[in-house]
Amino acid sequence: MAPTTSAKPPGRPPGRPRTGVNATVFAATLSTVQELGYARATVERIATAAGVAKSTVYRRWPSKGELIVDCLLDAFGPAPLEAVSRAELMSSAIRWIAAKIGEPGVGDAFAGVFSDAVSDPALREILATRLQDPYRLALQDALGEPEHRVLFFIDVVVGGLLHRMGMTGEPMVEGDVEALVEMVLVHFADGQRPT
C-alpha cells in the first residue's frame, strides 16, 4: 500500500488577512482618541478597538506618535490647492484644515501629538518631515512663496485652530473661521509683505 500524502488545499496563508489593516487601525485610532482623549488612547487600546494584536500595530508604527502622524496624513489627504486666485487658494486651504480639525478625533489627535512633540525631538522631526513638509512644499509651489512665509502661514492658521480646540474642547465655529480667513488674507493674499 502506497503511503498517503496530505497536500494542503490551496487557500489563504495562515494568519489574518492584511488588506485594510491600516484603514481599520486609523479608524480605531480616531474613535479611541475621540472617546478617551489623546493621553488615554494607548496603542493597546487602539489595537483592541481595531481588533488586531498590539504587535501588528507596533510592526507598522514603532510609536504612538508615528501612528498618530500617519493617521492624520490619512485623515487630511491632499490639500485643496486649485483655485482661480491666490486669495481663493488660501481661503480654501484655511477652511479645509478647519473642517479637518473639526472631524471626530482628528483635532484631539493633532493637538495631542503636537503637545507630545514639545518634549520629544524625535517626534518633532517626524511631524516636520512626514506631516508638515508635504503640505508646506505643496503650498510653496502653489503660492510661489519662500519656505519661511509658508511656515508662518501654517503656524498662524493651524496654531489658531488648535489653540481654540485646546481652550474650548470644540473646533472653531464657522464665523470665527471666516474671521481667521479675513485676517490671514490681509497679510498673505496679495503676495505683498506688510511694512
C-alpha atoms as a PDB file:
ATOM      1  CA  MET A   1       0.000   0.000   0.000  1.00  0.00           C
ATOM      2  CA  ALA A   2       1.403   3.348  -1.021  1.00  0.00           C
ATOM      3  CA  PRO A   3       1.776   5.986   1.678  1.00  0.00           C
ATOM      4  CA  THR A   4      -0.791   8.712   1.522  1.00  0.00           C
ATOM      5  CA  THR A   5       0.365  12.258   1.263  1.00  0.00           C
ATOM      6  CA  SER A   6      -1.726  15.006   2.552  1.00  0.00           C
ATOM      7  CA  ALA A   7      -1.443  18.080   0.418  1.00  0.00           C
ATOM      8  CA  LYS A   8      -2.965  21.243   1.801  1.00  0.00           C
ATOM      9  CA  PRO A   9      -5.645  22.618  -0.422  1.00  0.00           C
ATOM     10  CA  PRO A  10      -4.802  25.995  -1.880  1.00  0.00           C
ATOM     11  CA  GLY A  11      -6.175  28.818   0.160  1.00  0.00           C
ATOM     12  CA  ARG A  12      -5.198  31.855   2.080  1.00  0.00           C
ATOM     13  CA  PRO A  13      -1.930  31.777   4.012  1.00  0.00           C
ATOM     14  CA  PRO A  14      -2.107  31.425   7.784  1.00  0.00           C
ATOM     15  CA  GLY A  15      -2.786  34.483   9.889  1.00  0.00           C
ATOM     16  CA  ARG A  16      -5.177  37.388   9.485  1.00  0.00           C
ATOM     17  CA  PRO A  17      -5.681  38.981   6.098  1.00  0.00           C
ATOM     18  CA  ARG A  18      -3.671  42.207   5.936  1.00  0.00           C
ATOM     19  CA  THR A  19      -5.622  44.232   3.419  1.00  0.00           C
ATOM     20  CA  GLY A  20      -7.319  47.121   5.082  1.00  0.00           C
ATOM     21  CA  VAL A  21      -5.367  46.872   8.348  1.00  0.00           C
ATOM     22  CA  ASN A  22      -4.117  50.463   8.071  1.00  0.00           C
ATOM     23  CA  ALA A  23      -7.615  51.814   7.433  1.00  0.00           C
ATOM     24  CA  THR A  24      -9.004  49.761  10.314  1.00  0.00           C
ATOM     25  CA  VAL A  25      -6.272  50.929  12.693  1.00  0.00           C
ATOM     26  CA  PHE A  26      -6.679  54.571  11.600  1.00  0.00           C
ATOM     27  CA  ALA A  27     -10.435  54.449  12.179  1.00  0.00           C
ATOM     28  CA  ALA A  28      -9.895  52.809  15.575  1.00  0.00           C
ATOM     29  CA  THR A  29      -7.269  55.426  16.448  1.00  0.00           C
ATOM     30  CA  LEU A  30      -9.593  58.345  15.788  1.00  0.00           C
ATOM     31  CA  SER A  31     -12.560  56.743  17.533  1.00  0.00           C
ATOM     32  CA  THR A  32     -10.422  55.829  20.570  1.00  0.00           C
ATOM     33  CA  VAL A  33      -8.958  59.332  20.776  1.00  0.00           C
ATOM     34  CA  GLN A  34     -12.471  60.786  20.426  1.00  0.00           C
ATOM     35  CA  GLU A  35     -13.853  58.523  23.149  1.00  0.00           C
ATOM     36  CA  LEU A  36     -10.985  58.505  25.678  1.00  0.00           C
ATOM     37  CA  GLY A  37      -8.880  61.540  24.824  1.00  0.00           C
ATOM     38  CA  TYR A  38      -5.385  61.530  23.384  1.00  0.00           C
ATOM     39  CA  ALA A  39      -3.485  60.623  26.558  1.00  0.00           C
ATOM     40  CA  ARG A  40      -5.679  57.614  27.395  1.00  0.00           C
ATOM     41  CA  ALA A  41      -5.745  56.342  23.794  1.00  0.00           C
ATOM     42  CA  THR A  42      -2.864  53.902  24.213  1.00  0.00           C
ATOM     43  CA  VAL A  43      -1.580  51.669  21.439  1.00  0.00           C
ATOM     44  CA  GLU A  44      -3.020  48.707  23.347  1.00  0.00           C
ATOM     45  CA  ARG A  45      -6.494  50.285  23.457  1.00  0.00           C
ATOM     46  CA  ILE A  46      -6.278  51.274  19.791  1.00  0.00           C
ATOM     47  CA  ALA A  47      -5.252  47.733  18.813  1.00  0.00           C
ATOM     48  CA  THR A  48      -8.147  46.291  20.813  1.00  0.00           C
ATOM     49  CA  ALA A  49     -10.598  48.689  19.151  1.00  0.00           C
ATOM     50  CA  ALA A  50      -9.186  47.732  15.735  1.00  0.00           C
ATOM     51  CA  GLY A  51      -9.415  44.009  16.511  1.00  0.00           C
ATOM     52  CA  VAL A  52      -5.708  43.435  15.881  1.00  0.00           C
ATOM     53  CA  ALA A  53      -2.776  42.415  18.048  1.00  0.00           C
ATOM     54  CA  LYS A  54      -0.705  45.180  19.604  1.00  0.00           C
ATOM     55  CA  SER A  55       2.306  43.672  17.803  1.00  0.00           C
ATOM     56  CA  THR A  56       0.507  44.274  14.470  1.00  0.00           C
ATOM     57  CA  VAL A  57       0.350  47.968  15.279  1.00  0.00           C
ATOM     58  CA  TYR A  58       3.938  48.172  16.505  1.00  0.00           C
ATOM     59  CA  ARG A  59       5.243  46.391  13.388  1.00  0.00           C
ATOM     60  CA  ARG A  60       3.851  49.224  11.296  1.00  0.00           C
ATOM     61  CA  TRP A  61       4.328  52.129  13.719  1.00  0.00           C
ATOM     62  CA  PRO A  62       7.135  51.894  16.288  1.00  0.00           C
ATOM     63  CA  SER A  63       5.487  54.544  18.486  1.00  0.00           C
ATOM     64  CA  LYS A  64       2.111  56.071  19.199  1.00  0.00           C
ATOM     65  CA  GLY A  65       3.397  59.361  17.764  1.00  0.00           C
ATOM     66  CA  GLU A  66       4.238  57.744  14.424  1.00  0.00           C
ATOM     67  CA  LEU A  67       0.832  56.058  14.333  1.00  0.00           C
ATOM     68  CA  ILE A  68      -0.904  59.375  15.003  1.00  0.00           C
ATOM     69  CA  VAL A  69       1.110  61.182  12.308  1.00  0.00           C
ATOM     70  CA  ASP A  70       0.222  58.572   9.677  1.00  0.00           C
ATOM     71  CA  CYS A  71      -3.383  58.562  10.868  1.00  0.00           C
ATOM     72  CA  LEU A  72      -3.526  62.355  10.444  1.00  0.00           C
ATOM     73  CA  LEU A  73      -1.986  62.137   6.968  1.00  0.00           C
ATOM     74  CA  ASP A  74      -4.685  59.634   6.055  1.00  0.00           C
ATOM     75  CA  ALA A  75      -7.429  61.803   7.579  1.00  0.00           C
ATOM     76  CA  PHE A  76      -6.261  65.003   5.885  1.00  0.00           C
ATOM     77  CA  GLY A  77      -5.465  63.655   2.441  1.00  0.00           C
ATOM     78  CA  PRO A  78      -4.286  66.168  -0.140  1.00  0.00           C
ATOM     79  CA  ALA A  79      -4.874  69.864   0.450  1.00  0.00           C
ATOM     80  CA  PRO A  80      -7.251  71.578  -1.990  1.00  0.00           C
ATOM     81  CA  LEU A  81      -4.798  73.845  -3.770  1.00  0.00           C
ATOM     82  CA  GLU A  82      -6.573  74.546  -7.040  1.00  0.00           C
ATOM     83  CA  ALA A  83      -8.224  77.942  -7.225  1.00  0.00           C
ATOM     84  CA  VAL A  84      -8.619  80.850  -9.596  1.00  0.00           C
ATOM     85  CA  SER A  85      -6.875  83.381  -7.371  1.00  0.00           C
ATOM     86  CA  ARG A  86      -4.307  83.383  -4.629  1.00  0.00           C
ATOM     87  CA  ALA A  87      -6.936  84.578  -2.124  1.00  0.00           C
ATOM     88  CA  GLU A  88      -9.291  81.714  -3.079  1.00  0.00           C
ATOM     89  CA  LEU A  89      -6.496  79.182  -2.751  1.00  0.00           C
ATOM     90  CA  MET A  90      -5.573  80.412   0.719  1.00  0.00           C
ATOM     91  CA  SER A  91      -9.201  80.708   1.815  1.00  0.00           C
ATOM     92  CA  SER A  92      -9.978  77.164   0.713  1.00  0.00           C
ATOM     93  CA  ALA A  93      -6.844  75.841   2.455  1.00  0.00           C
ATOM     94  CA  ILE A  94      -7.844  77.532   5.725  1.00  0.00           C
ATOM     95  CA  ARG A  95     -11.430  76.272   5.538  1.00  0.00           C
ATOM     96  CA  TRP A  96     -10.191  72.789   4.634  1.00  0.00           C
ATOM     97  CA  ILE A  97      -7.840  72.491   7.619  1.00  0.00           C
ATOM     98  CA  ALA A  98     -10.502  73.944   9.944  1.00  0.00           C
ATOM     99  CA  ALA A  99     -13.003  71.343   8.731  1.00  0.00           C
ATOM    100  CA  LYS A 100     -10.473  68.516   9.084  1.00  0.00           C
ATOM    101  CA  ILE A 101      -9.546  69.559  12.638  1.00  0.00           C
ATOM    102  CA  GLY A 102     -13.275  69.575  13.417  1.00  0.00           C
ATOM    103  CA  GLU A 103     -13.736  65.929  12.398  1.00  0.00           C
ATOM    104  CA  PRO A 104     -14.226  63.472  15.291  1.00  0.00           C
ATOM    105  CA  GLY A 105     -10.910  62.571  16.884  1.00  0.00           C
ATOM    106  CA  VAL A 106      -8.766  64.493  14.400  1.00  0.00           C
ATOM    107  CA  GLY A 107      -8.358  67.727  16.369  1.00  0.00           C
ATOM    108  CA  ASP A 108      -7.705  65.804  19.588  1.00  0.00           C
ATOM    109  CA  ALA A 109      -5.106  63.608  17.894  1.00  0.00           C
ATOM    110  CA  PHE A 110      -3.469  66.608  16.211  1.00  0.00           C
ATOM    111  CA  ALA A 111      -3.263  68.642  19.434  1.00  0.00           C
ATOM    112  CA  GLY A 112      -2.064  65.633  21.428  1.00  0.00           C
ATOM    113  CA  VAL A 113       0.781  64.697  19.112  1.00  0.00           C
ATOM    114  CA  PHE A 114       1.888  68.344  18.962  1.00  0.00           C
ATOM    115  CA  SER A 115       1.872  68.501  22.745  1.00  0.00           C
ATOM    116  CA  ASP A 116       3.984  65.331  22.974  1.00  0.00           C
ATOM    117  CA  ALA A 117       6.424  66.766  20.415  1.00  0.00           C
ATOM    118  CA  VAL A 118       7.254  69.730  22.668  1.00  0.00           C
ATOM    119  CA  SER A 119       9.489  67.483  24.779  1.00  0.00           C
ATOM    120  CA  ASP A 120      10.327  64.842  22.160  1.00  0.00           C
ATOM    121  CA  PRO A 121      12.819  65.949  19.473  1.00  0.00           C
ATOM    122  CA  ALA A 122      12.442  62.688  17.515  1.00  0.00           C
ATOM    123  CA  LEU A 123       8.674  63.170  17.307  1.00  0.00           C
ATOM    124  CA  ARG A 124       9.157  66.814  16.270  1.00  0.00           C
ATOM    125  CA  GLU A 125      11.328  65.583  13.402  1.00  0.00           C
ATOM    126  CA  ILE A 126       8.625  63.092  12.356  1.00  0.00           C
ATOM    127  CA  LEU A 127       5.974  65.822  12.493  1.00  0.00           C
ATOM    128  CA  ALA A 128       8.136  68.172  10.441  1.00  0.00           C
ATOM    129  CA  THR A 129       9.184  65.702   7.762  1.00  0.00           C
ATOM    130  CA  ARG A 130       6.148  63.453   7.411  1.00  0.00           C
ATOM    131  CA  LEU A 131       3.231  65.731   8.271  1.00  0.00           C
ATOM    132  CA  GLN A 132       4.214  69.351   7.717  1.00  0.00           C
ATOM    133  CA  ASP A 133       6.714  69.150   4.846  1.00  0.00           C
ATOM    134  CA  PRO A 134       4.400  67.650   2.199  1.00  0.00           C
ATOM    135  CA  TYR A 135       1.814  70.388   2.804  1.00  0.00           C
ATOM    136  CA  ARG A 136       4.478  73.096   3.098  1.00  0.00           C
ATOM    137  CA  LEU A 137       6.051  72.097  -0.204  1.00  0.00           C
ATOM    138  CA  ALA A 138       2.667  71.968  -1.951  1.00  0.00           C
ATOM    139  CA  LEU A 139       1.786  75.426  -0.597  1.00  0.00           C
ATOM    140  CA  GLN A 140       5.177  76.846  -1.568  1.00  0.00           C
ATOM    141  CA  ASP A 141       4.658  75.590  -5.088  1.00  0.00           C
ATOM    142  CA  ALA A 142       1.056  76.794  -5.326  1.00  0.00           C
ATOM    143  CA  LEU A 143       1.734  80.219  -3.811  1.00  0.00           C
ATOM    144  CA  GLY A 144       5.247  80.862  -5.095  1.00  0.00           C
ATOM    145  CA  GLU A 145       6.271  81.864  -1.577  1.00  0.00           C
ATOM    146  CA  PRO A 146       9.540  81.130   0.241  1.00  0.00           C
ATOM    147  CA  GLU A 147       9.644  78.497   2.962  1.00  0.00           C
ATOM    148  CA  HIS A 148       9.657  80.918   5.910  1.00  0.00           C
ATOM    149  CA  ARG A 149       6.480  82.662   4.707  1.00  0.00           C
ATOM    150  CA  VAL A 150       4.624  79.393   4.154  1.00  0.00           C
ATOM    151  CA  LEU A 151       5.721  78.128   7.565  1.00  0.00           C
ATOM    152  CA  PHE A 152       4.392  81.335   9.108  1.00  0.00           C
ATOM    153  CA  PHE A 153       1.077  80.866   7.284  1.00  0.00           C
ATOM    154  CA  ILE A 154       0.854  77.284   8.615  1.00  0.00           C
ATOM    155  CA  ASP A 155       1.796  78.399  12.142  1.00  0.00           C
ATOM    156  CA  VAL A 156      -0.834  81.136  12.225  1.00  0.00           C
ATOM    157  CA  VAL A 157      -3.650  79.040  10.806  1.00  0.00           C
ATOM    158  CA  VAL A 158      -3.025  75.673  12.433  1.00  0.00           C
ATOM    159  CA  GLY A 159      -1.861  77.282  15.666  1.00  0.00           C
ATOM    160  CA  GLY A 160      -5.043  79.340  15.940  1.00  0.00           C
ATOM    161  CA  LEU A 161      -7.279  76.375  15.181  1.00  0.00           C
ATOM    162  CA  LEU A 162      -5.515  74.043  17.632  1.00  0.00           C
ATOM    163  CA  HIS A 163      -5.428  76.726  20.330  1.00  0.00           C
ATOM    164  CA  ARG A 164      -9.197  77.116  20.071  1.00  0.00           C
ATOM    165  CA  MET A 165      -9.636  73.338  20.255  1.00  0.00           C
ATOM    166  CA  GLY A 166      -7.371  73.161  23.298  1.00  0.00           C
ATOM    167  CA  MET A 167      -9.070  76.016  25.113  1.00  0.00           C
ATOM    168  CA  THR A 168     -12.684  75.060  24.427  1.00  0.00           C
ATOM    169  CA  GLY A 169     -12.618  71.373  23.509  1.00  0.00           C
ATOM    170  CA  GLU A 170     -14.502  72.314  20.360  1.00  0.00           C
ATOM    171  CA  PRO A 171     -13.421  73.216  16.824  1.00  0.00           C
ATOM    172  CA  MET A 172     -13.559  76.842  15.753  1.00  0.00           C
ATOM    173  CA  VAL A 173     -17.070  77.906  14.740  1.00  0.00           C
ATOM    174  CA  GLU A 174     -17.736  78.967  11.148  1.00  0.00           C
ATOM    175  CA  GLY A 175     -17.936  82.689  11.935  1.00  0.00           C
ATOM    176  CA  ASP A 176     -14.532  82.608  13.602  1.00  0.00           C
ATOM    177  CA  VAL A 177     -13.058  80.606  10.719  1.00  0.00           C
ATOM    178  CA  GLU A 178     -14.271  83.355   8.387  1.00  0.00           C
ATOM    179  CA  ALA A 179     -12.663  85.996  10.620  1.00  0.00           C
ATOM    180  CA  LEU A 180      -9.415  83.998  10.569  1.00  0.00           C
ATOM    181  CA  VAL A 181      -9.565  83.851   6.766  1.00  0.00           C
ATOM    182  CA  GLU A 182     -10.028  87.635   6.574  1.00  0.00           C
ATOM    183  CA  MET A 183      -7.155  88.309   8.987  1.00  0.00           C
ATOM    184  CA  VAL A 184      -4.751  85.955   7.203  1.00  0.00           C
ATOM    185  CA  LEU A 185      -5.628  87.213   3.723  1.00  0.00           C
ATOM    186  CA  VAL A 186      -4.715  90.783   4.685  1.00  0.00           C
ATOM    187  CA  HIS A 187      -1.188  89.582   5.347  1.00  0.00           C
ATOM    188  CA  PHE A 188      -0.746  86.928   2.659  1.00  0.00           C
ATOM    189  CA  ALA A 189      -3.204  87.042  -0.214  1.00  0.00           C
ATOM    190  CA  ASP A 190      -1.736  89.802  -2.347  1.00  0.00           C
ATOM    191  CA  GLY A 191       1.798  88.490  -2.004  1.00  0.00           C
ATOM    192  CA  GLN A 192       2.971  91.808  -0.599  1.00  0.00           C
ATOM    193  CA  ARG A 193       4.815  91.856   2.668  1.00  0.00           C
ATOM    194  CA  PRO A 194       3.416  94.469   5.061  1.00  0.00           C
ATOM    195  CA  THR A 195       5.965  97.004   6.269  1.00  0.00           C
END
